[in-house]
PDB file of N, CA and C in Angstrom:
ATOM      1  N   UNK A   1     -51.811 237.958  81.893  1.00  0.00           N
ATOM      2  CA  UNK A   1     -50.806 236.914  81.866  1.00  0.00           C
ATOM      3  C   UNK A   1     -49.951 236.998  83.130  1.00  0.00           C
ATOM      4  N   UNK A   2     -49.680 235.853  83.700  1.00  0.00           N
ATOM      5  CA  UNK A   2     -48.886 235.779  84.916  1.00  0.00           C
ATOM      6  C   UNK A   2     -47.419 235.988  84.567  1.00  0.00           C
ATOM      7  N   UNK A   3     -46.742 236.907  85.260  1.00  0.00           N
ATOM      8  CA  UNK A   3     -45.337 237.196  84.974  1.00  0.00           C
ATOM      9  C   UNK A   3     -44.382 236.202  85.624  1.00  0.00           C
ATOM     10  N   UNK A   4     -44.901 235.312  86.453  1.00  0.00           N
ATOM     11  CA  UNK A   4     -44.051 234.333  87.117  1.00  0.00           C
ATOM     12  C   UNK A   4     -43.657 233.245  86.131  1.00  0.00           C
ATOM     13  N   UNK A   5     -42.363 232.962  86.057  1.00  0.00           N
ATOM     14  CA  UNK A   5     -41.849 231.943  85.145  1.00  0.00           C
ATOM     15  C   UNK A   5     -41.929 230.593  85.826  1.00  0.00           C
ATOM     16  N   UNK A   6     -42.534 229.628  85.146  1.00  0.00           N
ATOM     17  CA  UNK A   6     -42.601 228.270  85.680  1.00  0.00           C
ATOM     18  C   UNK A   6     -41.425 227.488  85.117  1.00  0.00           C
ATOM     19  N   UNK A   7     -40.549 227.041  85.980  1.00  0.00           N
ATOM     20  CA  UNK A   7     -39.367 226.298  85.545  1.00  0.00           C
ATOM     21  C   UNK A   7     -39.681 224.816  85.503  1.00  0.00           C
ATOM     22  N   UNK A   8     -39.081 224.149  84.532  1.00  0.00           N
ATOM     23  CA  UNK A   8     -39.229 222.699  84.422  1.00  0.00           C
ATOM     24  C   UNK A   8     -37.876 222.061  84.729  1.00  0.00           C
ATOM     25  N   UNK A   9     -37.881 220.792  85.100  1.00  0.00           N
ATOM     26  CA  UNK A   9     -36.609 220.093  85.343  1.00  0.00           C
ATOM     27  C   UNK A   9     -35.789 220.037  84.047  1.00  0.00           C
ATOM     28  N   UNK A  10     -34.530 219.607  84.128  1.00  0.00           N
ATOM     29  CA  UNK A  10     -33.713 219.492  82.921  1.00  0.00           C
ATOM     30  C   UNK A  10     -34.418 218.631  81.871  1.00  0.00           C
ATOM     31  N   UNK A  11     -34.278 219.037  80.627  1.00  0.00           N
ATOM     32  CA  UNK A  11     -34.927 218.320  79.526  1.00  0.00           C
ATOM     33  C   UNK A  11     -34.205 217.012  79.246  1.00  0.00           C
ATOM     34  N   UNK A  12     -34.983 215.975  78.994  1.00  0.00           N
ATOM     35  CA  UNK A  12     -34.407 214.683  78.641  1.00  0.00           C
ATOM     36  C   UNK A  12     -34.294 214.532  77.128  1.00  0.00           C
ATOM     37  N   UNK A  13     -35.276 215.061  76.403  1.00  0.00           N
ATOM     38  CA  UNK A  13     -35.275 214.945  74.940  1.00  0.00           C
ATOM     39  C   UNK A  13     -35.856 216.208  74.323  1.00  0.00           C
ATOM     40  N   UNK A  14     -35.346 216.562  73.161  1.00  0.00           N
ATOM     41  CA  UNK A  14     -35.888 217.659  72.366  1.00  0.00           C
ATOM     42  C   UNK A  14     -35.973 217.160  70.930  1.00  0.00           C
ATOM     43  N   UNK A  15     -37.135 217.332  70.324  1.00  0.00           N
ATOM     44  CA  UNK A  15     -37.332 216.901  68.944  1.00  0.00           C
ATOM     45  C   UNK A  15     -37.866 218.075  68.130  1.00  0.00           C
ATOM     46  N   UNK A  16     -37.438 218.156  66.891  1.00  0.00           N
ATOM     47  CA  UNK A  16     -37.948 219.166  65.971  1.00  0.00           C
ATOM     48  C   UNK A  16     -38.723 218.464  64.858  1.00  0.00           C
ATOM     49  N   UNK A  17     -39.839 219.054  64.483  1.00  0.00           N
ATOM     50  CA  UNK A  17     -40.669 218.477  63.437  1.00  0.00           C
ATOM     51  C   UNK A  17     -41.198 219.587  62.539  1.00  0.00           C
ATOM     52  N   UNK A  18     -41.485 219.229  61.310  1.00  0.00           N
ATOM     53  CA  UNK A  18     -42.129 220.180  60.398  1.00  0.00           C
ATOM     54  C   UNK A  18     -43.638 220.011  60.554  1.00  0.00           C
ATOM     55  N   UNK A  19     -44.319 221.098  60.895  1.00  0.00           N
ATOM     56  CA  UNK A  19     -45.770 221.076  61.060  1.00  0.00           C
ATOM     57  C   UNK A  19     -46.427 221.872  59.952  1.00  0.00           C
ATOM     58  N   UNK A  20     -47.551 221.394  59.470  1.00  0.00           N
ATOM     59  CA  UNK A  20     -48.337 222.114  58.475  1.00  0.00           C
ATOM     60  C   UNK A  20     -49.735 222.315  59.046  1.00  0.00           C
ATOM     61  N   UNK A  21     -50.166 223.551  59.127  1.00  0.00           N
ATOM     62  CA  UNK A  21     -51.502 223.867  59.634  1.00  0.00           C
ATOM     63  C   UNK A  21     -52.539 223.535  58.564  1.00  0.00           C
ATOM     64  N   UNK A  22     -53.786 223.490  58.960  1.00  0.00           N
ATOM     65  CA  UNK A  22     -54.852 223.158  58.010  1.00  0.00           C
ATOM     66  C   UNK A  22     -54.948 224.175  56.876  1.00  0.00           C
ATOM     67  N   UNK A  23     -54.490 225.404  57.122  1.00  0.00           N
ATOM     68  CA  UNK A  23     -54.512 226.422  56.066  1.00  0.00           C
ATOM     69  C   UNK A  23     -53.262 226.377  55.188  1.00  0.00           C
ATOM     70  N   UNK A  24     -52.368 225.409  55.436  1.00  0.00           N
ATOM     71  CA  UNK A  24     -51.156 225.266  54.634  1.00  0.00           C
ATOM     72  C   UNK A  24     -49.941 225.991  55.188  1.00  0.00           C
ATOM     73  N   UNK A  25     -50.109 226.775  56.257  1.00  0.00           N
ATOM     74  CA  UNK A  25     -48.976 227.489  56.854  1.00  0.00           C
ATOM     75  C   UNK A  25     -47.996 226.484  57.452  1.00  0.00           C
ATOM     76  N   UNK A  26     -46.709 226.776  57.315  1.00  0.00           N
ATOM     77  CA  UNK A  26     -45.666 225.884  57.819  1.00  0.00           C
ATOM     78  C   UNK A  26     -45.120 226.411  59.147  1.00  0.00           C
ATOM     79  N   UNK A  27     -44.846 225.490  60.056  1.00  0.00           N
ATOM     80  CA  UNK A  27     -44.290 225.813  61.359  1.00  0.00           C
ATOM     81  C   UNK A  27     -43.190 224.823  61.713  1.00  0.00           C
ATOM     82  N   UNK A  28     -42.298 225.257  62.597  1.00  0.00           N
ATOM     83  CA  UNK A  28     -41.300 224.358  63.158  1.00  0.00           C
ATOM     84  C   UNK A  28     -41.892 223.860  64.472  1.00  0.00           C
ATOM     85  N   UNK A  29     -42.161 222.576  64.534  1.00  0.00           N
ATOM     86  CA  UNK A  29     -42.715 221.992  65.750  1.00  0.00           C
ATOM     87  C   UNK A  29     -41.591 221.624  66.702  1.00  0.00           C
ATOM     88  N   UNK A  30     -41.740 222.001  67.951  1.00  0.00           N
ATOM     89  CA  UNK A  30     -40.752 221.691  68.973  1.00  0.00           C
ATOM     90  C   UNK A  30     -41.448 220.844  70.034  1.00  0.00           C
ATOM     91  N   UNK A  31     -40.858 219.700  70.336  1.00  0.00           N
ATOM     92  CA  UNK A  31     -41.388 218.828  71.379  1.00  0.00           C
ATOM     93  C   UNK A  31     -40.299 218.639  72.420  1.00  0.00           C
ATOM     94  N   UNK A  32     -40.622 218.944  73.670  1.00  0.00           N
ATOM     95  CA  UNK A  32     -39.652 218.751  74.747  1.00  0.00           C
ATOM     96  C   UNK A  32     -40.212 217.743  75.733  1.00  0.00           C
ATOM     97  N   UNK A  33     -39.313 216.974  76.316  1.00  0.00           N
ATOM     98  CA  UNK A  33     -39.727 215.941  77.269  1.00  0.00           C
ATOM     99  C   UNK A  33     -38.886 216.076  78.535  1.00  0.00           C
ATOM    100  N   UNK A  34     -39.563 216.036  79.672  1.00  0.00           N
ATOM    101  CA  UNK A  34     -38.865 216.095  80.953  1.00  0.00           C
ATOM    102  C   UNK A  34     -39.588 215.192  81.940  1.00  0.00           C
ATOM    103  N   UNK A  35     -38.938 214.930  83.052  1.00  0.00           N
ATOM    104  CA  UNK A  35     -39.487 214.029  84.058  1.00  0.00           C
ATOM    105  C   UNK A  35     -39.347 214.679  85.431  1.00  0.00           C
ATOM    106  N   UNK A  36     -40.370 214.537  86.246  1.00  0.00           N
ATOM    107  CA  UNK A  36     -40.339 215.005  87.630  1.00  0.00           C
ATOM    108  C   UNK A  36     -40.241 213.768  88.512  1.00  0.00           C
ATOM    109  N   UNK A  37     -39.117 213.614  89.189  1.00  0.00           N
ATOM    110  CA  UNK A  37     -38.913 212.454  90.057  1.00  0.00           C
ATOM    111  C   UNK A  37     -39.001 211.160  89.274  1.00  0.00           C
ATOM    112  N   UNK A  38     -39.815 210.246  89.776  1.00  0.00           N
ATOM    113  CA  UNK A  38     -39.960 208.942  89.123  1.00  0.00           C
ATOM    114  C   UNK A  38     -41.230 208.867  88.282  1.00  0.00           C
ATOM    115  N   UNK A  39     -41.902 209.996  88.101  1.00  0.00           N
ATOM    116  CA  UNK A  39     -43.133 210.022  87.307  1.00  0.00           C
ATOM    117  C   UNK A  39     -42.842 209.733  85.841  1.00  0.00           C
ATOM    118  N   UNK A  40     -43.898 209.429  85.106  1.00  0.00           N
ATOM    119  CA  UNK A  40     -43.786 209.258  83.663  1.00  0.00           C
ATOM    120  C   UNK A  40     -43.341 210.582  83.039  1.00  0.00           C
ATOM    121  N   UNK A  41     -42.638 210.524  81.906  1.00  0.00           N
ATOM    122  CA  UNK A  41     -42.200 211.766  81.256  1.00  0.00           C
ATOM    123  C   UNK A  41     -43.390 212.639  80.851  1.00  0.00           C
ATOM    124  N   UNK A  42     -43.176 213.924  80.918  1.00  0.00           N
ATOM    125  CA  UNK A  42     -44.151 214.911  80.445  1.00  0.00           C
ATOM    126  C   UNK A  42     -43.630 215.470  79.131  1.00  0.00           C
ATOM    127  N   UNK A  43     -44.511 215.558  78.109  1.00  0.00           N
ATOM    128  CA  UNK A  43     -44.113 216.124  76.821  1.00  0.00           C
ATOM    129  C   UNK A  43     -44.920 217.387  76.551  1.00  0.00           C
ATOM    130  N   UNK A  44     -44.213 218.437  76.146  1.00  0.00           N
ATOM    131  CA  UNK A  44     -44.836 219.692  75.744  1.00  0.00           C
ATOM    132  C   UNK A  44     -44.540 219.907  74.267  1.00  0.00           C
ATOM    133  N   UNK A  45     -45.534 220.365  73.527  1.00  0.00           N
ATOM    134  CA  UNK A  45     -45.346 220.623  72.102  1.00  0.00           C
ATOM    135  C   UNK A  45     -45.814 222.037  71.792  1.00  0.00           C
ATOM    136  N   UNK A  46     -45.054 222.713  70.911  1.00  0.00           N
ATOM    137  CA  UNK A  46     -45.463 224.031  70.443  1.00  0.00           C
ATOM    138  C   UNK A  46     -44.877 224.259  69.060  1.00  0.00           C
ATOM    139  N   UNK A  47     -45.428 225.224  68.355  1.00  0.00           N
ATOM    140  CA  UNK A  47     -44.962 225.533  67.009  1.00  0.00           C
ATOM    141  C   UNK A  47     -44.407 226.936  66.926  1.00  0.00           C
ATOM    142  N   UNK A  48     -43.374 227.100  66.111  1.00  0.00           N
ATOM    143  CA  UNK A  48     -42.763 228.405  65.864  1.00  0.00           C
ATOM    144  C   UNK A  48     -42.869 228.723  64.381  1.00  0.00           C
ATOM    145  N   UNK A  49     -43.132 229.975  64.087  1.00  0.00           N
ATOM    146  CA  UNK A  49     -43.062 230.417  62.701  1.00  0.00           C
ATOM    147  C   UNK A  49     -41.612 230.261  62.235  1.00  0.00           C
ATOM    148  N   UNK A  50     -41.390 230.009  60.953  1.00  0.00           N
ATOM    149  CA  UNK A  50     -40.023 229.798  60.477  1.00  0.00           C
ATOM    150  C   UNK A  50     -39.053 230.912  60.876  1.00  0.00           C
ATOM    151  N   UNK A  51     -39.460 232.154  60.770  1.00  0.00           N
ATOM    152  CA  UNK A  51     -38.578 233.270  61.137  1.00  0.00           C
ATOM    153  C   UNK A  51     -38.226 233.261  62.615  1.00  0.00           C
ATOM    154  N   UNK A  52     -39.200 232.936  63.453  1.00  0.00           N
ATOM    155  CA  UNK A  52     -38.945 232.855  64.899  1.00  0.00           C
ATOM    156  C   UNK A  52     -37.988 231.706  65.201  1.00  0.00           C
ATOM    157  N   UNK A  53     -38.131 230.586  64.485  1.00  0.00           N
ATOM    158  CA  UNK A  53     -37.237 229.446  64.683  1.00  0.00           C
ATOM    159  C   UNK A  53     -35.805 229.813  64.315  1.00  0.00           C
ATOM    160  N   UNK A  54     -35.640 230.586  63.246  1.00  0.00           N
ATOM    161  CA  UNK A  54     -34.295 231.032  62.835  1.00  0.00           C
ATOM    162  C   UNK A  54     -33.683 231.909  63.925  1.00  0.00           C
ATOM    163  N   UNK A  55     -34.467 232.857  64.440  1.00  0.00           N
ATOM    164  CA  UNK A  55     -33.961 233.734  65.500  1.00  0.00           C
ATOM    165  C   UNK A  55     -33.593 232.942  66.750  1.00  0.00           C
ATOM    166  N   UNK A  56     -34.421 231.973  67.115  1.00  0.00           N
ATOM    167  CA  UNK A  56     -34.125 231.139  68.277  1.00  0.00           C
ATOM    168  C   UNK A  56     -32.834 230.366  68.053  1.00  0.00           C
ATOM    169  N   UNK A  57     -32.655 229.817  66.864  1.00  0.00           N
ATOM    170  CA  UNK A  57     -31.427 229.089  66.545  1.00  0.00           C
ATOM    171  C   UNK A  57     -30.198 229.973  66.665  1.00  0.00           C
ATOM    172  N   UNK A  58     -30.293 231.204  66.179  1.00  0.00           N
ATOM    173  CA  UNK A  58     -29.167 232.136  66.273  1.00  0.00           C
ATOM    174  C   UNK A  58     -28.847 232.455  67.728  1.00  0.00           C
ATOM    175  N   UNK A  59     -29.888 232.673  68.537  1.00  0.00           N
ATOM    176  CA  UNK A  59     -29.668 232.984  69.947  1.00  0.00           C
ATOM    177  C   UNK A  59     -29.070 231.797  70.692  1.00  0.00           C
ATOM    178  N   UNK A  60     -29.526 230.589  70.382  1.00  0.00           N
ATOM    179  CA  UNK A  60     -28.968 229.397  71.020  1.00  0.00           C
ATOM    180  C   UNK A  60     -27.509 229.198  70.635  1.00  0.00           C
ATOM    181  N   UNK A  61     -27.176 229.486  69.371  1.00  0.00           N
ATOM    182  CA  UNK A  61     -25.791 229.377  68.921  1.00  0.00           C
ATOM    183  C   UNK A  61     -24.905 230.352  69.698  1.00  0.00           C
ATOM    184  N   UNK A  62     -25.351 231.603  69.813  1.00  0.00           N
ATOM    185  CA  UNK A  62     -24.577 232.605  70.549  1.00  0.00           C
ATOM    186  C   UNK A  62     -24.402 232.209  72.011  1.00  0.00           C
ATOM    187  N   UNK A  63     -25.465 231.714  72.625  1.00  0.00           N
ATOM    188  CA  UNK A  63     -25.378 231.308  74.027  1.00  0.00           C
ATOM    189  C   UNK A  63     -24.424 230.124  74.183  1.00  0.00           C
ATOM    190  N   UNK A  64     -24.508 229.145  73.294  1.00  0.00           N
ATOM    191  CA  UNK A  64     -23.604 227.998  73.348  1.00  0.00           C
ATOM    192  C   UNK A  64     -22.152 228.413  73.212  1.00  0.00           C
ATOM    193  N   UNK A  65     -21.874 229.332  72.291  1.00  0.00           N
ATOM    194  CA  UNK A  65     -20.506 229.812  72.109  1.00  0.00           C
ATOM    195  C   UNK A  65     -20.025 230.546  73.358  1.00  0.00           C
ATOM    196  N   UNK A  66     -20.904 231.337  73.968  1.00  0.00           N
ATOM    197  CA  UNK A  66     -20.525 232.072  75.171  1.00  0.00           C
ATOM    198  C   UNK A  66     -20.227 231.110  76.320  1.00  0.00           C
ATOM    199  N   UNK A  67     -21.053 230.088  76.476  1.00  0.00           N
ATOM    200  CA  UNK A  67     -20.860 229.129  77.563  1.00  0.00           C
ATOM    201  C   UNK A  67     -19.606 228.288  77.362  1.00  0.00           C
ATOM    202  N   UNK A  68     -19.206 228.059  76.115  1.00  0.00           N
ATOM    203  CA  UNK A  68     -18.004 227.278  75.831  1.00  0.00           C
ATOM    204  C   UNK A  68     -16.742 228.099  75.971  1.00  0.00           C
ATOM    205  N   UNK A  69     -16.864 229.414  75.905  1.00  0.00           N
ATOM    206  CA  UNK A  69     -15.674 230.243  76.015  1.00  0.00           C
ATOM    207  C   UNK A  69     -15.172 230.229  77.453  1.00  0.00           C
ATOM    208  N   UNK A  70     -13.903 230.530  77.609  1.00  0.00           N
ATOM    209  CA  UNK A  70     -13.314 230.537  78.948  1.00  0.00           C
ATOM    210  C   UNK A  70     -13.535 231.862  79.661  1.00  0.00           C
ATOM    211  N   UNK A  71     -14.134 232.825  78.976  1.00  0.00           N
ATOM    212  CA  UNK A  71     -14.285 234.160  79.554  1.00  0.00           C
ATOM    213  C   UNK A  71     -15.685 234.452  80.084  1.00  0.00           C
ATOM    214  N   UNK A  72     -16.562 233.469  80.212  1.00  0.00           N
ATOM    215  CA  UNK A  72     -17.937 233.765  80.647  1.00  0.00           C
ATOM    216  C   UNK A  72     -18.084 233.892  82.113  1.00  0.00           C
TER     217      UNK A  72
END
């Protein structure tokens, strides 16, 4: 696996969806949309296990609170 992080432009839209796999497993579907210059939007989709989605939500909450504080 390549250790280089590929950065994308600022996100224009983020959508969450409930996904069900063919075996019945449930996932949190995340769809992000961004645009490079004047090109058509690019959409990326991926699924998170429910526990991973909860952890991501907690981390995003902590980061948002830190960024809103005057002491960051």
